[in-house]
């Protein structure tokens, strides 16, 4: 989650005006930032919808699936995932929604 936040914010704040083709759409830096935010928020929503809780760690390769590993057992309702999800919703508003 911290990487998604840093990447989204870095692209949003420091874009150079160039455009990229992403999933068939030409996006500027704010569009790319929204895409990153939307992908992360969507994954959080899918996980919450299937389990009824937010988990601390999420899998990057399977949207909505919980992650694991690290120095301790992942916690429910705790950690970076919750904070980053809320922050991306605050920054992007409805643009970050599913």
Protein backbone atom coordinates (compact mmCIF):
# COMPACT_ATOMS: atom_id res chain seq x y z
CA UNK A 1 0.00 0.00 0.00
CA UNK A 2 2.69 2.58 0.70
CA UNK A 3 4.15 1.97 -2.76
CA UNK A 4 0.79 2.56 -4.46
CA UNK A 5 0.40 5.79 -2.52
CA UNK A 6 3.91 7.04 -3.32
CA UNK A 7 3.57 6.12 -6.99
CA UNK A 8 0.14 7.69 -7.38
CA UNK A 9 1.17 10.90 -5.61
CA UNK A 10 4.51 11.13 -7.38
CA UNK A 11 2.89 10.83 -10.80
CA UNK A 12 0.06 13.21 -9.84
CA UNK A 13 2.33 15.95 -8.50
CA UNK A 14 5.30 15.73 -10.83
CA UNK A 15 3.98 14.79 -14.23
CA UNK A 16 5.72 16.42 -17.18
CA UNK A 17 2.67 16.80 -19.41
CA UNK A 18 3.43 13.77 -21.54
CA UNK A 19 0.76 11.21 -22.25
CA UNK A 20 0.84 7.42 -22.03
CA UNK A 21 -1.37 4.76 -23.55
CA UNK A 22 -2.86 2.65 -20.75
CA UNK A 23 -5.47 -0.02 -21.46
CA UNK A 24 -6.39 1.66 -24.73
CA UNK A 25 -6.74 5.17 -23.27
CA UNK A 26 -4.36 8.08 -23.66
CA UNK A 27 -3.79 9.51 -20.18
CA UNK A 28 -1.87 12.46 -18.78
CA UNK A 29 -0.14 12.26 -15.41
CA UNK A 30 -3.31 12.93 -13.42
CA UNK A 31 -5.13 10.22 -15.35
CA UNK A 32 -2.36 7.74 -14.57
CA UNK A 33 -2.50 8.70 -10.88
CA UNK A 34 -6.28 8.16 -10.89
CA UNK A 35 -5.81 4.79 -12.62
CA UNK A 36 -3.39 3.67 -9.89
CA UNK A 37 -5.72 4.94 -7.16
CA UNK A 38 -8.78 3.35 -8.75
CA UNK A 39 -7.03 -0.02 -9.09
CA UNK A 40 -5.99 -0.03 -5.44
CA UNK A 41 -9.36 1.18 -4.11
CA UNK A 42 -11.13 -1.42 -6.27
CA UNK A 43 -8.96 -4.19 -4.86
CA UNK A 44 -9.68 -3.01 -1.30
CA UNK A 45 -13.40 -2.91 -2.04
CA UNK A 46 -13.41 -6.40 -3.56
CA UNK A 47 -11.58 -7.79 -0.52
CA UNK A 48 -13.92 -6.03 1.90
CA UNK A 49 -16.96 -7.20 -0.02
CA UNK A 50 -15.86 -10.84 0.01
CA UNK A 51 -14.71 -10.95 3.66
CA UNK A 52 -16.61 -8.11 5.34
CA UNK A 53 -13.38 -6.65 6.75
CA UNK A 54 -10.33 -4.76 5.55
CA UNK A 55 -7.05 -6.62 5.73
CA UNK A 56 -3.61 -5.23 6.30
CA UNK A 57 -1.95 -6.83 3.29
CA UNK A 58 -3.27 -7.28 -0.24
CA UNK A 59 -1.93 -9.29 -3.16
CA UNK A 60 -0.76 -7.11 -6.02
CA UNK A 61 -1.35 -9.77 -8.66
CA UNK A 62 -4.93 -10.74 -7.71
CA UNK A 63 -7.33 -7.83 -7.08
CA UNK A 64 -9.35 -8.36 -3.91
CA UNK A 65 -7.18 -11.17 -2.56
CA UNK A 66 -5.40 -10.95 0.79
CA UNK A 67 -1.64 -11.06 1.10
CA UNK A 68 0.62 -12.56 3.69
CA UNK A 69 4.20 -13.00 4.72
CA UNK A 70 6.44 -10.65 6.60
CA UNK A 71 7.50 -10.65 10.21
CA UNK A 72 4.04 -11.24 11.72
CA UNK A 73 0.58 -12.49 10.81
CA UNK A 74 -1.42 -9.86 8.86
CA UNK A 75 -4.01 -8.07 10.96
CA UNK A 76 -7.67 -7.34 10.20
CA UNK A 77 -8.61 -3.66 10.07
CA UNK A 78 -5.10 -2.40 10.62
CA UNK A 79 -2.16 -1.07 8.68
CA UNK A 80 -1.23 0.66 5.50
CA UNK A 81 -4.06 -0.74 3.40
CA UNK A 82 -6.76 1.10 5.35
CA UNK A 83 -4.85 4.38 5.53
CA UNK A 84 -3.84 4.43 1.88
CA UNK A 85 -7.33 3.50 0.70
CA UNK A 86 -8.83 6.37 2.70
CA UNK A 87 -6.14 8.82 1.57
CA UNK A 88 -6.58 7.96 -2.11
CA UNK A 89 -10.34 8.41 -1.74
CA UNK A 90 -9.73 11.78 -0.06
CA UNK A 91 -7.35 12.94 -2.82
CA UNK A 92 -9.24 11.63 -5.84
CA UNK A 93 -12.81 11.62 -4.52
CA UNK A 94 -15.27 10.00 -6.88
CA UNK A 95 -12.53 9.55 -9.49
CA UNK A 96 -11.04 6.77 -7.32
CA UNK A 97 -14.31 4.91 -6.95
CA UNK A 98 -15.05 1.67 -8.71
